[in-house]
Amino acid sequence: MKKLTHWDYCQFLLVSQTNYTQTYFADHSEQLSHDRINRLMRENKLTPLELRQLVRQELVLSENGYVLFDDTVLDKSHSFAIELVRRQWSGNAKKVIKGIGIVTCVYVNPDIDQFWVIDYRVYDPERDGRSKLDHLFDMWRTIVHVQQLPFRTVLIDSWYATMKVMKAIEKADKIYYCPVKANRQVTGSPDEAYQRVDSLTWTEAEVESGKMVHLKKFPKGHQVKLFRIVLSTQRTDYVVTNDLSQDSADATRAESAIRWKIEQFHREAKQVTGLESCQCRSQRAQRNHIACAMLVWVRLNELAQEAQTTVYQLKQGLLSSYMRDQLRQPSISMLPA
């Protein structure tokens, strides 16, 4: 009997279109039973190391590279017994939902306009006592000190724009661009009182070129460049950077826009790998499913880049082949013979 491995499970996730359950896998396999698949997922112990080893073969590195950090929530609103599920804020749903949190890291090569997920951590504070910031620093140390990947800029969400994170980036001689919340306290000079960024007054020149500010609780004399980016009549972002030579709001907007690559990854992984579709109760099975889904996205991304298409078109191409075959020689005929 062939030994079942996580690569077999990955193959299932790679080709399945909408149903990613173990039952569906077993129903469509000639050799595998549900019990064997379930045993594999409960007893295996995959970690982010498998992802780092696989993607390292695909990465095209650049001194101009970007490192992106963010988190996403796998929606488990209808689950009641999955061990990793907890109530947490979902930026996608814009509310608190039941789900599994994952902190992710994406590497972007702007020279060839390609990106890869290079690391992740499952957010499970009840078991490991680690916060999302702890997970970010774990991945940061791996990138900077272990893998020593070349990159120039770090992009993070406002939730991660803490003094500890920003100072760590500065210590590594890297540049950051990160939005700050509207109520973040800043001052233009030591003689002025702190005020919310959304209450600052802006000259026409400052709107175009940004203004120097000091963030509250940062060391005395520490300054960053603050930009006011109007995205719509309903939304204005405030972005800070330690690149004090930056003098263009348009350039800052373009730098910040690269951060949406990580949102693109989250969306693709959920829609084409079944990332949030596992129904297993065991936290170990859930972790293994997440690990396999990450590996599958790396493979799909590699194939899409080679074919100069998207992961969606690549995945849906499997159905296109099926449709052509069925129209040519239907398995079920509309008209009687």
Protein backbone atom coordinates (compact mmCIF):
# COMPACT_ATOMS: atom_id res chain seq x y z
CA MET A 1 0.00 0.00 0.00
CA LYS A 2 1.36 3.42 -0.98
CA LYS A 3 2.42 5.57 1.97
CA LEU A 4 0.17 8.59 2.37
CA THR A 5 2.05 11.89 2.80
CA HIS A 6 1.14 15.55 3.07
CA TRP A 7 2.05 15.92 -0.62
CA ASP A 8 -0.94 13.70 -1.47
CA TYR A 9 -3.15 16.02 0.55
CA CYS A 10 -1.57 19.02 -1.21
CA GLN A 11 -2.35 17.43 -4.57
CA PHE A 12 -6.00 17.13 -3.56
CA LEU A 13 -6.13 20.82 -2.53
CA LEU A 14 -4.41 21.76 -5.78
CA VAL A 15 -7.01 20.18 -8.07
CA SER A 16 -10.23 20.36 -6.04
CA GLN A 17 -12.45 23.27 -7.04
CA THR A 18 -14.94 23.94 -4.25
CA ASN A 19 -14.98 21.05 -1.79
CA TYR A 20 -11.85 20.63 0.35
CA THR A 21 -13.10 18.17 2.97
CA GLN A 22 -11.41 14.89 3.82
CA THR A 23 -14.64 13.08 2.97
CA TYR A 24 -14.60 14.50 -0.54
CA PHE A 25 -10.93 13.54 -0.90
CA ALA A 26 -11.65 9.95 0.19
CA ASP A 27 -14.74 9.67 -2.03
CA HIS A 28 -12.65 10.52 -5.10
CA SER A 29 -9.58 8.44 -4.28
CA GLU A 30 -9.32 4.80 -5.28
CA GLN A 31 -6.85 3.90 -2.53
CA LEU A 32 -7.44 6.29 0.37
CA SER A 33 -10.04 6.00 3.08
CA HIS A 34 -11.30 8.85 5.23
CA ASP A 35 -9.68 7.24 8.29
CA ARG A 36 -6.23 7.20 6.66
CA ILE A 37 -6.50 10.82 5.58
CA ASN A 38 -7.77 11.88 9.00
CA ARG A 39 -4.96 9.99 10.74
CA LEU A 40 -2.39 11.74 8.55
CA MET A 41 -3.76 15.17 9.40
CA ARG A 42 -4.01 14.44 13.12
CA GLU A 43 -0.57 12.82 13.51
CA ASN A 44 1.61 14.78 11.07
CA LYS A 45 3.36 17.88 12.37
CA LEU A 46 3.93 20.37 9.59
CA THR A 47 5.41 23.77 10.46
CA PRO A 48 6.20 27.01 8.61
CA LEU A 49 9.65 25.52 7.93
CA GLU A 50 8.17 23.46 5.07
CA LEU A 51 6.94 26.67 3.45
CA ARG A 52 10.27 28.46 3.90
CA GLN A 53 12.16 25.54 2.36
CA LEU A 54 9.83 25.29 -0.65
CA VAL A 55 9.53 28.98 -1.43
CA ARG A 56 13.27 29.58 -1.05
CA GLN A 57 13.70 27.66 -4.31
CA GLU A 58 11.28 30.01 -6.09
CA LEU A 59 12.24 33.39 -4.65
CA VAL A 60 13.79 35.94 -6.97
CA LEU A 61 15.55 38.28 -4.57
CA SER A 62 16.23 41.98 -4.97
CA GLU A 63 18.06 44.64 -3.00
CA ASN A 64 14.99 46.79 -3.71
CA GLY A 65 12.69 44.15 -2.19
CA TYR A 66 9.76 44.77 0.13
CA VAL A 67 8.80 42.74 3.19
CA LEU A 68 5.11 42.91 4.11
CA PHE A 69 3.50 41.85 7.40
CA ASP A 70 -0.22 41.52 8.09
CA ASP A 71 -2.76 39.09 9.46
CA THR A 72 -5.93 37.45 8.23
CA VAL A 73 -8.78 35.51 9.86
CA LEU A 74 -10.06 32.19 8.52
CA ASP A 75 -13.82 32.47 8.91
CA LYS A 76 -15.22 29.69 11.11
CA SER A 77 -18.49 31.43 11.97
CA HIS A 78 -20.47 28.17 11.90
CA SER A 79 -18.03 26.09 13.92
CA PHE A 80 -18.53 25.22 17.56
CA ALA A 81 -15.81 22.70 18.42
CA ILE A 82 -12.67 23.57 16.41
CA GLU A 83 -9.83 24.01 18.87
CA LEU A 84 -8.04 26.98 17.28
CA VAL A 85 -11.19 29.05 16.81
CA ARG A 86 -11.55 32.21 18.90
CA ARG A 87 -13.51 35.42 18.55
CA GLN A 88 -11.39 38.11 16.88
CA TRP A 89 -11.65 41.16 14.67
CA SER A 90 -11.82 40.47 10.95
CA GLY A 91 -10.82 43.33 8.68
CA ASN A 92 -12.55 41.58 5.80
CA ALA A 93 -15.86 41.16 7.64
CA LYS A 94 -15.42 44.51 9.47
CA LYS A 95 -16.59 42.91 12.72
CA VAL A 96 -15.64 40.38 15.38
CA ILE A 97 -16.15 36.83 14.12
CA LYS A 98 -15.25 33.29 15.12
CA GLY A 99 -12.15 32.27 13.26
CA ILE A 100 -8.51 31.21 13.16
CA GLY A 101 -5.97 34.03 12.99
CA ILE A 102 -2.83 33.80 10.87
CA VAL A 103 0.01 36.34 10.78
CA THR A 104 1.68 36.28 7.37
CA CYS A 105 4.79 37.65 5.68
CA VAL A 106 5.09 38.34 1.95
CA TYR A 107 8.20 39.20 -0.06
CA VAL A 108 7.77 41.51 -3.06
CA ASN A 109 10.29 41.94 -5.87
CA PRO A 110 9.35 45.28 -7.52
CA ASP A 111 11.87 44.80 -10.32
CA ILE A 112 9.82 41.97 -11.83
CA ASP A 113 6.47 42.73 -10.10
CA GLN A 114 6.19 39.35 -8.41
CA PHE A 115 5.54 38.32 -4.81
CA TRP A 116 5.70 35.22 -2.61
CA VAL A 117 4.44 34.26 0.83
CA ILE A 118 7.62 33.42 2.76
CA ASP A 119 6.44 32.77 6.32
CA TYR A 120 3.41 32.61 8.59
CA ARG A 121 2.35 31.92 12.17
CA VAL A 122 -0.95 30.63 13.57
CA TYR A 123 -2.33 32.98 16.22
CA ASP A 124 -3.18 30.81 19.22
CA PRO A 125 -2.49 32.80 22.43
CA GLU A 126 -4.46 30.42 24.65
CA ARG A 127 -1.94 27.65 23.92
CA ASP A 128 1.38 29.38 23.27
CA GLY A 129 0.85 32.74 25.02
CA ARG A 130 2.20 34.60 21.99
CA SER A 131 0.76 37.83 20.62
CA LYS A 132 0.61 38.82 16.95
CA LEU A 133 3.57 41.13 17.59
CA ASP A 134 5.53 38.19 19.02
CA HIS A 135 4.85 36.27 15.80
CA LEU A 136 5.93 39.24 13.68
CA PHE A 137 9.24 39.44 15.55
CA ASP A 138 9.77 35.68 15.15
CA MET A 139 9.46 36.05 11.39
CA TRP A 140 11.53 39.25 11.39
CA ARG A 141 14.44 37.51 13.11
CA THR A 142 14.24 34.63 10.62
CA ILE A 143 14.29 37.00 7.63
CA VAL A 144 17.02 39.34 8.90
CA HIS A 145 19.32 37.09 10.92
CA VAL A 146 18.76 33.51 9.68
CA GLN A 147 17.85 33.76 6.01
CA GLN A 148 19.45 37.21 5.59
CA LEU A 149 17.17 38.08 2.69
CA PRO A 150 17.96 41.29 0.79
CA PHE A 151 15.24 43.96 0.95
CA ARG A 152 14.94 47.71 1.36
CA THR A 153 11.47 48.51 2.64
CA VAL A 154 8.99 47.16 5.20
CA LEU A 155 5.25 47.77 4.89
CA ILE A 156 2.95 47.12 7.84
CA ASP A 157 -0.62 47.84 8.90
CA SER A 158 -1.46 50.47 11.51
CA TRP A 159 -1.98 47.76 14.16
CA TYR A 160 1.72 46.84 13.91
CA ALA A 161 2.96 50.45 13.84
CA THR A 162 4.33 50.30 17.38
CA MET A 163 7.52 51.90 18.63
CA LYS A 164 9.12 48.48 19.17
CA VAL A 165 8.45 47.37 15.60
CA MET A 166 9.45 50.67 14.01
CA LYS A 167 12.67 50.91 16.05
CA ALA A 168 13.58 47.32 15.09
CA ILE A 169 13.21 48.23 11.42
CA GLU A 170 15.34 51.34 11.91
CA LYS A 171 18.01 49.31 13.73
CA ALA A 172 18.25 47.03 10.68
CA ASP A 173 18.78 50.12 8.47
CA LYS A 174 15.56 49.49 6.57
CA ILE A 175 12.83 51.91 5.49
CA TYR A 176 9.23 51.62 6.63
CA TYR A 177 5.96 53.07 5.43
CA CYS A 178 3.00 52.45 7.68
CA PRO A 179 -0.40 54.03 8.18
CA VAL A 180 -1.16 55.32 11.66
CA LYS A 181 -4.57 55.61 13.26
CA ALA A 182 -6.34 58.96 13.18
CA ASN A 183 -6.01 59.34 16.95
CA ARG A 184 -2.21 58.79 17.00
CA GLN A 185 -0.63 61.57 19.06
CA VAL A 186 2.10 63.65 17.37
CA THR A 187 3.78 67.03 17.69
CA GLY A 188 5.60 69.22 15.23
CA SER A 189 8.14 70.54 17.74
CA PRO A 190 9.08 70.09 21.42
CA ASP A 191 7.36 73.39 22.22
CA GLU A 192 4.00 72.24 20.92
CA ALA A 193 1.44 70.03 22.65
CA TYR A 194 0.65 66.58 21.27
CA GLN A 195 -2.46 66.31 19.12
CA ARG A 196 -4.24 63.75 16.97
CA VAL A 197 -2.91 63.42 13.44
CA ASP A 198 -6.38 64.07 12.03
CA SER A 199 -6.51 67.44 13.81
CA LEU A 200 -3.27 68.77 12.32
CA THR A 201 -3.36 71.75 9.99
CA TRP A 202 -1.64 71.34 6.64
CA THR A 203 -0.18 73.95 4.32
CA GLU A 204 -0.35 73.35 0.59
CA ALA A 205 3.37 72.57 0.54
CA GLU A 206 2.99 70.03 3.39
CA VAL A 207 0.17 68.26 1.57
CA GLU A 208 2.52 67.78 -1.37
CA SER A 209 5.76 67.08 0.52
CA GLY A 210 4.76 65.85 4.01
CA LYS A 211 5.72 67.26 7.39
CA MET A 212 8.21 66.29 10.09
CA VAL A 213 6.62 65.09 13.35
CA HIS A 214 7.53 63.38 16.60
CA LEU A 215 5.40 60.41 17.67
CA LYS A 216 4.34 60.35 21.31
CA LYS A 217 6.38 57.99 23.55
CA PHE A 218 9.22 57.78 21.03
CA PRO A 219 12.70 58.84 22.20
CA LYS A 220 13.34 62.57 22.45
CA GLY A 221 14.45 64.01 19.13
CA HIS A 222 13.13 61.07 17.08
CA GLN A 223 11.33 62.23 13.96
CA VAL A 224 9.41 60.69 11.08
CA LYS A 225 7.88 62.11 7.93
CA LEU A 226 4.08 62.24 7.99
CA PHE A 227 1.95 62.28 4.85
CA ARG A 228 -1.76 62.94 4.48
CA ILE A 229 -3.12 60.71 1.72
CA VAL A 230 -6.68 61.45 0.59
CA LEU A 231 -8.09 58.26 -0.93
CA SER A 232 -11.72 59.35 -1.26
CA THR A 233 -14.22 61.79 0.19
CA GLN A 234 -14.84 59.23 2.95
CA ARG A 235 -11.28 58.10 3.62
CA THR A 236 -7.98 59.79 4.44
CA ASP A 237 -4.88 57.82 5.44
CA TYR A 238 -2.00 59.15 7.50
CA VAL A 239 1.28 57.46 6.61
CA VAL A 240 4.60 57.78 8.42
CA THR A 241 8.04 56.86 7.12
CA ASN A 242 11.58 57.00 8.43
CA ASP A 243 12.74 57.95 4.93
CA LEU A 244 13.16 61.63 5.78
CA SER A 245 14.27 62.38 2.23
CA GLN A 246 10.84 61.41 0.89
CA ASP A 247 9.19 64.61 -0.35
CA SER A 248 6.31 63.38 -2.49
CA ALA A 249 2.83 62.42 -1.34
CA ASP A 250 2.25 60.65 -4.65
CA ALA A 251 5.41 58.56 -4.20
CA THR A 252 4.33 57.73 -0.65
CA ARG A 253 0.93 56.64 -1.92
CA ALA A 254 2.64 54.38 -4.48
CA GLU A 255 4.94 52.87 -1.83
CA SER A 256 2.01 52.20 0.50
CA ALA A 257 -0.06 50.66 -2.29
CA ILE A 258 2.42 47.77 -2.55
CA ARG A 259 1.11 46.59 0.83
CA TRP A 260 -2.04 45.36 -0.92
CA LYS A 261 -0.01 42.50 -2.39
CA ILE A 262 -0.43 40.73 0.94
CA GLU A 263 -4.19 41.25 0.78
CA GLN A 264 -4.10 39.74 -2.70
CA PHE A 265 -2.30 36.71 -1.30
CA HIS A 266 -4.88 36.29 1.49
CA ARG A 267 -7.74 36.45 -1.01
CA GLU A 268 -6.13 34.03 -3.46
CA ALA A 269 -5.18 31.52 -0.77
CA LYS A 270 -8.72 31.43 0.59
CA GLN A 271 -10.33 31.11 -2.83
CA VAL A 272 -8.06 28.65 -4.64
CA THR A 273 -6.46 26.47 -1.94
CA GLY A 274 -9.31 25.91 0.52
CA LEU A 275 -7.27 27.65 3.23
CA GLU A 276 -10.28 28.33 5.45
CA SER A 277 -12.33 25.28 4.43
CA CYS A 278 -11.02 22.62 6.82
CA GLN A 279 -13.72 21.25 9.14
CA CYS A 280 -11.47 19.18 11.44
CA ARG A 281 -11.81 19.80 15.17
CA SER A 282 -8.21 18.98 16.06
CA GLN A 283 -5.87 21.96 16.23
CA ARG A 284 -3.08 19.80 14.82
CA ALA A 285 -5.20 18.86 11.79
CA GLN A 286 -6.06 22.52 11.28
CA ARG A 287 -2.39 23.51 11.44
CA ASN A 288 -1.46 20.81 8.94
CA HIS A 289 -4.26 21.89 6.60
CA ILE A 290 -3.06 25.52 6.77
CA ALA A 291 0.52 24.41 6.08
CA CYS A 292 -0.56 22.38 3.05
CA ALA A 293 -2.69 25.23 1.70
CA MET A 294 0.35 27.54 1.91
CA LEU A 295 2.44 25.03 -0.06
CA VAL A 296 -0.31 24.74 -2.66
CA TRP A 297 -0.44 28.51 -3.15
CA VAL A 298 3.33 28.59 -3.71
CA ARG A 299 2.97 25.93 -6.40
CA LEU A 300 0.01 27.66 -8.07
CA ASN A 301 1.86 30.97 -7.97
CA GLU A 302 4.92 29.36 -9.57
CA LEU A 303 2.85 27.81 -12.37
CA ALA A 304 0.91 31.05 -12.94
CA GLN A 305 4.14 33.02 -13.29
CA GLU A 306 5.50 30.50 -15.79
CA ALA A 307 2.29 30.60 -17.84
CA GLN A 308 1.96 34.39 -17.45
CA THR A 309 -1.56 34.03 -16.14
CA THR A 310 -3.31 34.27 -12.76
CA VAL A 311 -3.80 31.60 -10.13
CA TYR A 312 -7.55 31.89 -10.74
CA GLN A 313 -7.26 31.24 -14.46
CA LEU A 314 -4.87 28.38 -13.79
CA LYS A 315 -7.23 26.71 -11.33
CA GLN A 316 -10.33 27.29 -13.41
CA GLY A 317 -8.49 25.89 -16.43
CA LEU A 318 -9.04 22.44 -14.94
CA LEU A 319 -12.79 22.99 -15.29
CA SER A 320 -12.34 24.30 -18.83
CA SER A 321 -10.71 21.02 -19.84
CA TYR A 322 -13.56 19.12 -18.22
CA MET A 323 -16.16 21.24 -20.06
CA ARG A 324 -14.52 20.68 -23.43
CA ASP A 325 -14.38 16.93 -22.82
CA GLN A 326 -18.03 16.79 -21.75
CA LEU A 327 -19.27 18.83 -24.67
CA ARG A 328 -17.30 16.62 -27.03
CA GLN A 329 -18.43 13.36 -25.44
CA PRO A 330 -21.00 13.87 -22.65
CA SER A 331 -21.07 11.46 -19.74
CA ILE A 332 -24.75 12.36 -19.33
CA SER A 333 -26.75 13.04 -22.50
CA MET A 334 -29.57 15.58 -22.68
CA LEU A 335 -31.39 13.61 -25.37
CA PRO A 336 -32.17 9.89 -25.27
CA ALA A 337 -30.08 7.69 -27.55
